[in-house]
Amino acid sequence: MDRYIFWVVFFFAYTMQGITGFAGNIFIMPVGASTVGLSTTIATVNITGFLACALIALTGLKHVAWREFLRIIIIMTTFMFVGIWLDTILPLPILLKIFGVVVLLVGLQNLLIKRTVTLPEWLLNIVLMLAGLMQGMFVSGGAFLVIYVLQKIKNKEAFRVTLSLVWTVLNAIYALFALQAGEMTGDVASLVVVCIPLLIVATFLGSWIEKRMSQKVFLKMTYVMLILIGILLIFK
């Protein structure tokens, strides 16, 4: 029964990821940890995250904001490795809750306050660094990355495709680490075999929904996702 619960949540989460280009894995993590185990969940979503994001990126490659993509990859990858190191020396549960509160407040501010708040460039750079640190420490850098990309990329198709290409690269890096660490077990393989057809259907379903969604609705959904992610991080 645990695996069936995991697959149902997986399908929902990856449909959301197909729409927005982010947030799939963070919705799966709490359920996966309590059903199939945390290490198995992390190894599984690294593989499926890579495949799902690659599918979105490759089918929309012409929409990639290449300048922002390269900037994100350089800064996030650098600070991701710093985050992996910090993971060994800092009290992570407290930091995770602080990050959750920040993400929650950003989502609420964008959803409830009509006036657009534009962050200065220096603060956007800090947000991007935090995204890398979060990715390295908690495999949860998406929320901070979205805060950055929301201001930098206004077109919804370019937004989701650029995000997806970023996650394709970062998930590939994590997959290599997981292979080296011997985390690709038989349990992981049996989960992934079922997840692959689910993620294909969910990704195309999400893309179909996104194409019929206005820019205004897309942004509101993105803000709601940030609020939900903030809540998950606080109570994780």
C-alpha atoms as a PDB file:
ATOM      1  CA  MET A   1       0.000   0.000   0.000  1.00  0.00           C
ATOM      2  CA  ASP A   2       2.875   2.393   0.813  1.00  0.00           C
ATOM      3  CA  ARG A   3       4.160   2.248  -2.747  1.00  0.00           C
ATOM      4  CA  TYR A   4       0.709   2.954  -4.190  1.00  0.00           C
ATOM      5  CA  ILE A   5       0.409   6.052  -1.980  1.00  0.00           C
ATOM      6  CA  PHE A   6       3.858   7.142  -3.174  1.00  0.00           C
ATOM      7  CA  TRP A   7       2.897   6.716  -6.857  1.00  0.00           C
ATOM      8  CA  VAL A   8      -0.388   8.648  -6.481  1.00  0.00           C
ATOM      9  CA  VAL A   9       1.381  11.586  -4.815  1.00  0.00           C
ATOM     10  CA  PHE A  10       4.174  11.314  -7.379  1.00  0.00           C
ATOM     11  CA  PHE A  11       1.697  11.694 -10.274  1.00  0.00           C
ATOM     12  CA  PHE A  12       0.063  14.754  -8.682  1.00  0.00           C
ATOM     13  CA  ALA A  13       3.420  16.379  -7.862  1.00  0.00           C
ATOM     14  CA  TYR A  14       4.829  15.869 -11.348  1.00  0.00           C
ATOM     15  CA  THR A  15       1.661  17.237 -12.935  1.00  0.00           C
ATOM     16  CA  MET A  16       2.256  20.403 -10.887  1.00  0.00           C
ATOM     17  CA  GLN A  17       5.884  20.388 -12.009  1.00  0.00           C
ATOM     18  CA  GLY A  18       4.728  20.048 -15.620  1.00  0.00           C
ATOM     19  CA  ILE A  19       2.647  23.206 -15.177  1.00  0.00           C
ATOM     20  CA  THR A  20       5.108  25.423 -13.295  1.00  0.00           C
ATOM     21  CA  GLY A  21       8.555  23.875 -13.911  1.00  0.00           C
ATOM     22  CA  PHE A  22       9.298  23.377 -10.213  1.00  0.00           C
ATOM     23  CA  ALA A  23       8.069  21.997  -6.851  1.00  0.00           C
ATOM     24  CA  GLY A  24       7.543  18.352  -7.850  1.00  0.00           C
ATOM     25  CA  ASN A  25      10.176  16.819  -5.614  1.00  0.00           C
ATOM     26  CA  ILE A  26       9.487  18.889  -2.510  1.00  0.00           C
ATOM     27  CA  PHE A  27       5.872  17.670  -2.422  1.00  0.00           C
ATOM     28  CA  ILE A  28       7.004  14.069  -2.783  1.00  0.00           C
ATOM     29  CA  MET A  29       9.721  14.167  -0.097  1.00  0.00           C
ATOM     30  CA  PRO A  30       7.512  14.170   3.062  1.00  0.00           C
ATOM     31  CA  VAL A  31       5.243  11.407   1.734  1.00  0.00           C
ATOM     32  CA  GLY A  32       8.152   9.391   0.362  1.00  0.00           C
ATOM     33  CA  ALA A  33      10.048   9.593   3.660  1.00  0.00           C
ATOM     34  CA  SER A  34       7.069   8.113   5.541  1.00  0.00           C
ATOM     35  CA  THR A  35       6.209   5.444   2.944  1.00  0.00           C
ATOM     36  CA  VAL A  36       9.254   4.087   1.076  1.00  0.00           C
ATOM     37  CA  GLY A  37      12.011   5.727   3.157  1.00  0.00           C
ATOM     38  CA  LEU A  38      13.989   8.957   2.823  1.00  0.00           C
ATOM     39  CA  SER A  39      17.126   7.617   1.106  1.00  0.00           C
ATOM     40  CA  THR A  40      15.070   5.614  -1.413  1.00  0.00           C
ATOM     41  CA  THR A  41      12.883   8.658  -2.111  1.00  0.00           C
ATOM     42  CA  ILE A  42      15.877  10.959  -2.666  1.00  0.00           C
ATOM     43  CA  ALA A  43      17.548   8.520  -5.069  1.00  0.00           C
ATOM     44  CA  THR A  44      14.257   7.958  -6.925  1.00  0.00           C
ATOM     45  CA  VAL A  45      13.345  11.621  -7.370  1.00  0.00           C
ATOM     46  CA  ASN A  46      16.877  12.445  -8.503  1.00  0.00           C
ATOM     47  CA  ILE A  47      16.362  10.107 -11.469  1.00  0.00           C
ATOM     48  CA  THR A  48      12.738  11.010 -12.168  1.00  0.00           C
ATOM     49  CA  GLY A  49      13.437  14.715 -11.642  1.00  0.00           C
ATOM     50  CA  PHE A  50      16.177  14.566 -14.247  1.00  0.00           C
ATOM     51  CA  LEU A  51      13.936  12.741 -16.750  1.00  0.00           C
ATOM     52  CA  ALA A  52      10.857  14.944 -16.223  1.00  0.00           C
ATOM     53  CA  CYS A  53      12.790  18.208 -16.392  1.00  0.00           C
ATOM     54  CA  ALA A  54      14.774  17.048 -19.432  1.00  0.00           C
ATOM     55  CA  LEU A  55      11.481  16.202 -21.166  1.00  0.00           C
ATOM     56  CA  ILE A  56      10.098  19.716 -20.544  1.00  0.00           C
ATOM     57  CA  ALA A  57      13.387  21.403 -21.472  1.00  0.00           C
ATOM     58  CA  LEU A  58      13.933  19.458 -24.693  1.00  0.00           C
ATOM     59  CA  THR A  59      10.371  20.015 -25.937  1.00  0.00           C
ATOM     60  CA  GLY A  60      10.650  23.769 -25.309  1.00  0.00           C
ATOM     61  CA  LEU A  61      14.339  24.467 -25.904  1.00  0.00           C
ATOM     62  CA  LYS A  62      13.640  27.516 -28.082  1.00  0.00           C
ATOM     63  CA  HIS A  63      12.074  29.278 -25.072  1.00  0.00           C
ATOM     64  CA  VAL A  64      15.149  28.980 -22.791  1.00  0.00           C
ATOM     65  CA  ALA A  65      16.464  32.311 -21.451  1.00  0.00           C
ATOM     66  CA  TRP A  66      20.084  31.306 -22.038  1.00  0.00           C
ATOM     67  CA  ARG A  67      21.763  34.278 -20.349  1.00  0.00           C
ATOM     68  CA  GLU A  68      19.834  33.736 -17.124  1.00  0.00           C
ATOM     69  CA  PHE A  69      20.283  29.953 -17.375  1.00  0.00           C
ATOM     70  CA  LEU A  70      24.076  30.259 -17.496  1.00  0.00           C
ATOM     71  CA  ARG A  71      24.124  32.756 -14.626  1.00  0.00           C
ATOM     72  CA  ILE A  72      21.908  30.507 -12.485  1.00  0.00           C
ATOM     73  CA  ILE A  73      23.984  27.375 -13.177  1.00  0.00           C
ATOM     74  CA  ILE A  74      27.306  29.074 -12.361  1.00  0.00           C
ATOM     75  CA  ILE A  75      26.143  30.654  -9.092  1.00  0.00           C
ATOM     76  CA  MET A  76      23.869  27.845  -7.899  1.00  0.00           C
ATOM     77  CA  THR A  77      26.344  25.053  -8.618  1.00  0.00           C
ATOM     78  CA  THR A  78      29.112  26.913  -6.764  1.00  0.00           C
ATOM     79  CA  PHE A  79      26.997  27.501  -3.670  1.00  0.00           C
ATOM     80  CA  MET A  80      25.420  24.049  -3.892  1.00  0.00           C
ATOM     81  CA  PHE A  81      28.825  22.524  -3.142  1.00  0.00           C
ATOM     82  CA  VAL A  82      29.241  25.021  -0.281  1.00  0.00           C
ATOM     83  CA  GLY A  83      25.843  23.848   1.004  1.00  0.00           C
ATOM     84  CA  ILE A  84      26.900  20.204   0.826  1.00  0.00           C
ATOM     85  CA  TRP A  85      29.901  21.116   3.023  1.00  0.00           C
ATOM     86  CA  LEU A  86      27.758  23.189   5.440  1.00  0.00           C
ATOM     87  CA  ASP A  87      25.471  20.170   5.749  1.00  0.00           C
ATOM     88  CA  THR A  88      28.185  18.564   7.885  1.00  0.00           C
ATOM     89  CA  ILE A  89      28.706  21.427  10.375  1.00  0.00           C
ATOM     90  CA  LEU A  90      25.454  23.448  10.839  1.00  0.00           C
ATOM     91  CA  PRO A  91      22.185  22.850  12.798  1.00  0.00           C
ATOM     92  CA  LEU A  92      20.128  22.215   9.657  1.00  0.00           C
ATOM     93  CA  PRO A  93      16.605  21.760  11.153  1.00  0.00           C
ATOM     94  CA  ILE A  94      16.647  25.337  12.514  1.00  0.00           C
ATOM     95  CA  LEU A  95      17.944  26.755   9.216  1.00  0.00           C
ATOM     96  CA  LEU A  96      15.289  24.833   7.289  1.00  0.00           C
ATOM     97  CA  LYS A  97      12.516  26.454   9.330  1.00  0.00           C
ATOM     98  CA  ILE A  98      14.008  29.924   8.823  1.00  0.00           C
ATOM     99  CA  PHE A  99      14.156  29.363   5.059  1.00  0.00           C
ATOM    100  CA  GLY A 100      10.557  28.105   5.172  1.00  0.00           C
ATOM    101  CA  VAL A 101       9.345  31.294   6.881  1.00  0.00           C
ATOM    102  CA  VAL A 102      11.121  33.468   4.265  1.00  0.00           C
ATOM    103  CA  VAL A 103       9.606  31.502   1.355  1.00  0.00           C
ATOM    104  CA  LEU A 104       6.137  31.603   2.956  1.00  0.00           C
ATOM    105  CA  LEU A 105       6.332  35.393   3.429  1.00  0.00           C
ATOM    106  CA  VAL A 106       7.478  35.941  -0.173  1.00  0.00           C
ATOM    107  CA  GLY A 107       4.591  33.819  -1.495  1.00  0.00           C
ATOM    108  CA  LEU A 108       2.040  35.638   0.687  1.00  0.00           C
ATOM    109  CA  GLN A 109       3.434  39.044  -0.228  1.00  0.00           C
ATOM    110  CA  ASN A 110       3.187  38.351  -3.975  1.00  0.00           C
ATOM    111  CA  LEU A 111      -0.263  36.774  -3.712  1.00  0.00           C
ATOM    112  CA  LEU A 112      -1.929  39.299  -1.393  1.00  0.00           C
ATOM    113  CA  ILE A 113      -0.224  42.633  -2.153  1.00  0.00           C
ATOM    114  CA  LYS A 114      -1.062  44.003  -5.585  1.00  0.00           C
ATOM    115  CA  ARG A 115       1.919  46.365  -5.771  1.00  0.00           C
ATOM    116  CA  THR A 116       4.905  44.724  -7.441  1.00  0.00           C
ATOM    117  CA  VAL A 117       8.031  44.694  -5.276  1.00  0.00           C
ATOM    118  CA  THR A 118      11.252  44.779  -7.316  1.00  0.00           C
ATOM    119  CA  LEU A 119      14.338  43.483  -5.540  1.00  0.00           C
ATOM    120  CA  PRO A 120      17.666  45.257  -6.215  1.00  0.00           C
ATOM    121  CA  GLU A 121      20.271  43.341  -8.201  1.00  0.00           C
ATOM    122  CA  TRP A 122      22.555  42.752  -5.202  1.00  0.00           C
ATOM    123  CA  LEU A 123      19.680  41.179  -3.260  1.00  0.00           C
ATOM    124  CA  LEU A 124      18.736  38.988  -6.227  1.00  0.00           C
ATOM    125  CA  ASN A 125      22.318  37.696  -6.278  1.00  0.00           C
ATOM    126  CA  ILE A 126      22.007  36.794  -2.581  1.00  0.00           C
ATOM    127  CA  VAL A 127      18.706  35.010  -3.295  1.00  0.00           C
ATOM    128  CA  LEU A 128      20.428  32.966  -6.004  1.00  0.00           C
ATOM    129  CA  MET A 129      23.286  32.104  -3.634  1.00  0.00           C
ATOM    130  CA  LEU A 130      20.731  30.993  -1.033  1.00  0.00           C
ATOM    131  CA  ALA A 131      19.084  28.815  -3.690  1.00  0.00           C
ATOM    132  CA  GLY A 132      22.407  27.032  -4.197  1.00  0.00           C
ATOM    133  CA  LEU A 133      22.991  26.651  -0.445  1.00  0.00           C
ATOM    134  CA  MET A 134      19.455  25.278   0.044  1.00  0.00           C
ATOM    135  CA  GLN A 135      19.945  22.827  -2.801  1.00  0.00           C
ATOM    136  CA  GLY A 136      23.196  21.589  -1.296  1.00  0.00           C
ATOM    137  CA  MET A 137      21.901  21.314   2.277  1.00  0.00           C
ATOM    138  CA  PHE A 138      18.301  20.168   1.781  1.00  0.00           C
ATOM    139  CA  VAL A 139      17.867  19.359  -1.961  1.00  0.00           C
ATOM    140  CA  SER A 140      15.222  22.127  -1.766  1.00  0.00           C
ATOM    141  CA  GLY A 141      16.604  25.170  -3.574  1.00  0.00           C
ATOM    142  CA  GLY A 142      13.629  25.591  -5.897  1.00  0.00           C
ATOM    143  CA  ALA A 143      11.703  28.119  -3.825  1.00  0.00           C
ATOM    144  CA  PHE A 144      14.570  30.639  -3.702  1.00  0.00           C
ATOM    145  CA  LEU A 145      15.338  30.044  -7.368  1.00  0.00           C
ATOM    146  CA  VAL A 146      11.706  30.839  -8.228  1.00  0.00           C
ATOM    147  CA  ILE A 147      11.919  34.132  -6.291  1.00  0.00           C
ATOM    148  CA  TYR A 148      14.865  35.072  -8.537  1.00  0.00           C
ATOM    149  CA  VAL A 149      13.353  33.846 -11.806  1.00  0.00           C
ATOM    150  CA  LEU A 150       9.959  35.499 -11.176  1.00  0.00           C
ATOM    151  CA  GLN A 151      11.675  38.885 -11.404  1.00  0.00           C
ATOM    152  CA  LYS A 152      14.074  38.020 -14.218  1.00  0.00           C
ATOM    153  CA  ILE A 153      11.887  36.020 -16.631  1.00  0.00           C
ATOM    154  CA  LYS A 154       8.376  37.341 -17.256  1.00  0.00           C
ATOM    155  CA  ASN A 155       7.151  34.964 -19.976  1.00  0.00           C
ATOM    156  CA  LYS A 156       5.535  31.864 -18.421  1.00  0.00           C
ATOM    157  CA  GLU A 157       6.823  29.435 -21.074  1.00  0.00           C
ATOM    158  CA  ALA A 158      10.384  30.764 -20.796  1.00  0.00           C
ATOM    159  CA  PHE A 159       9.995  30.624 -16.999  1.00  0.00           C
ATOM    160  CA  ARG A 160       9.079  26.912 -16.815  1.00  0.00           C
ATOM    161  CA  VAL A 161      11.464  25.746 -19.581  1.00  0.00           C
ATOM    162  CA  THR A 162      14.473  27.629 -18.169  1.00  0.00           C
ATOM    163  CA  LEU A 163      13.746  26.286 -14.679  1.00  0.00           C
ATOM    164  CA  SER A 164      13.416  22.777 -16.097  1.00  0.00           C
ATOM    165  CA  LEU A 165      16.777  22.992 -17.860  1.00  0.00           C
ATOM    166  CA  VAL A 166      18.405  24.190 -14.617  1.00  0.00           C
ATOM    167  CA  TRP A 167      16.960  21.190 -12.740  1.00  0.00           C
ATOM    168  CA  THR A 168      18.037  18.846 -15.540  1.00  0.00           C
ATOM    169  CA  VAL A 169      21.665  19.886 -14.992  1.00  0.00           C
ATOM    170  CA  LEU A 170      21.499  19.899 -11.162  1.00  0.00           C
ATOM    171  CA  ASN A 171      19.691  16.539 -10.996  1.00  0.00           C
ATOM    172  CA  ALA A 172      22.296  15.046 -13.343  1.00  0.00           C
ATOM    173  CA  ILE A 173      25.035  16.175 -10.926  1.00  0.00           C
ATOM    174  CA  TYR A 174      23.166  14.626  -7.986  1.00  0.00           C
ATOM    175  CA  ALA A 175      22.573  11.412  -9.929  1.00  0.00           C
ATOM    176  CA  LEU A 176      26.322  11.047 -10.492  1.00  0.00           C
ATOM    177  CA  PHE A 177      26.950  11.476  -6.741  1.00  0.00           C
ATOM    178  CA  ALA A 178      24.237   8.899  -5.983  1.00  0.00           C
ATOM    179  CA  LEU A 179      25.768   6.392  -8.406  1.00  0.00           C
ATOM    180  CA  GLN A 180      29.185   6.850  -6.799  1.00  0.00           C
ATOM    181  CA  ALA A 181      27.677   6.386  -3.333  1.00  0.00           C
ATOM    182  CA  GLY A 182      25.906   3.173  -4.377  1.00  0.00           C
ATOM    183  CA  GLU A 183      22.428   4.576  -3.645  1.00  0.00           C
ATOM    184  CA  MET A 184      20.840   3.151  -6.829  1.00  0.00           C
ATOM    185  CA  THR A 185      19.487  -0.013  -5.169  1.00  0.00           C
ATOM    186  CA  GLY A 186      16.984  -2.617  -6.342  1.00  0.00           C
ATOM    187  CA  ASP A 187      14.208  -0.836  -4.404  1.00  0.00           C
ATOM    188  CA  VAL A 188      14.989   2.389  -6.213  1.00  0.00           C
ATOM    189  CA  ALA A 189      15.008   0.650  -9.611  1.00  0.00           C
ATOM    190  CA  SER A 190      11.620  -1.001  -8.986  1.00  0.00           C
ATOM    191  CA  LEU A 191      10.099   2.366  -8.009  1.00  0.00           C
ATOM    192  CA  VAL A 192      11.595   4.173 -10.993  1.00  0.00           C
ATOM    193  CA  VAL A 193      10.247   1.571 -13.466  1.00  0.00           C
ATOM    194  CA  VAL A 194       6.679   2.486 -12.461  1.00  0.00           C
ATOM    195  CA  CYS A 195       7.428   6.202 -12.055  1.00  0.00           C
ATOM    196  CA  ILE A 196       8.728   6.682 -15.618  1.00  0.00           C
ATOM    197  CA  PRO A 197       5.373   6.156 -17.427  1.00  0.00           C
ATOM    198  CA  LEU A 198       3.652   8.182 -14.690  1.00  0.00           C
ATOM    199  CA  LEU A 199       6.037  11.114 -15.126  1.00  0.00           C
ATOM    200  CA  ILE A 200       5.631  11.064 -18.935  1.00  0.00           C
ATOM    201  CA  VAL A 201       1.831  11.286 -18.645  1.00  0.00           C
ATOM    202  CA  ALA A 202       2.021  13.841 -15.813  1.00  0.00           C
ATOM    203  CA  THR A 203       4.521  16.042 -17.699  1.00  0.00           C
ATOM    204  CA  PHE A 204       2.438  16.167 -20.868  1.00  0.00           C
ATOM    205  CA  LEU A 205      -0.739  16.717 -18.831  1.00  0.00           C
ATOM    206  CA  GLY A 206       0.935  19.597 -16.996  1.00  0.00           C
ATOM    207  CA  SER A 207       2.175  21.098 -20.284  1.00  0.00           C
ATOM    208  CA  TRP A 208      -1.332  20.823 -21.753  1.00  0.00           C
ATOM    209  CA  ILE A 209      -2.814  22.645 -18.739  1.00  0.00           C
ATOM    210  CA  GLU A 210      -0.092  25.338 -18.783  1.00  0.00           C
ATOM    211  CA  LYS A 211      -0.724  26.195 -22.451  1.00  0.00           C
ATOM    212  CA  ARG A 212      -4.398  26.888 -21.641  1.00  0.00           C
ATOM    213  CA  MET A 213      -3.580  29.025 -18.616  1.00  0.00           C
ATOM    214  CA  SER A 214      -3.292  32.830 -18.659  1.00  0.00           C
ATOM    215  CA  GLN A 215      -0.146  34.594 -17.411  1.00  0.00           C
ATOM    216  CA  LYS A 216      -2.115  35.970 -14.441  1.00  0.00           C
ATOM    217  CA  VAL A 217      -3.394  32.545 -13.350  1.00  0.00           C
ATOM    218  CA  PHE A 218       0.080  31.043 -13.891  1.00  0.00           C
ATOM    219  CA  LEU A 219       1.659  33.621 -11.563  1.00  0.00           C
ATOM    220  CA  LYS A 220      -1.019  33.119  -8.910  1.00  0.00           C
ATOM    221  CA  MET A 221      -0.447  29.358  -9.014  1.00  0.00           C
ATOM    222  CA  THR A 222       3.301  29.962  -8.658  1.00  0.00           C
ATOM    223  CA  TYR A 223       2.747  32.131  -5.566  1.00  0.00           C
ATOM    224  CA  VAL A 224       0.420  29.524  -4.035  1.00  0.00           C
ATOM    225  CA  MET A 225       3.082  26.859  -4.653  1.00  0.00           C
ATOM    226  CA  LEU A 226       5.645  29.041  -2.843  1.00  0.00           C
ATOM    227  CA  ILE A 227       3.284  29.335   0.144  1.00  0.00           C
ATOM    228  CA  LEU A 228       2.760  25.560   0.251  1.00  0.00           C
ATOM    229  CA  ILE A 229       6.517  24.939  -0.040  1.00  0.00           C
ATOM    230  CA  GLY A 230       7.158  27.398   2.807  1.00  0.00           C
ATOM    231  CA  ILE A 231       4.676  25.536   5.024  1.00  0.00           C
ATOM    232  CA  LEU A 232       6.259  22.178   4.112  1.00  0.00           C
ATOM    233  CA  LEU A 233       9.741  23.484   4.923  1.00  0.00           C
ATOM    234  CA  ILE A 234       8.599  24.874   8.295  1.00  0.00           C
ATOM    235  CA  PHE A 235       7.003  21.589   9.375  1.00  0.00           C
ATOM    236  CA  LYS A 236       9.431  19.236   7.580  1.00  0.00           C
END
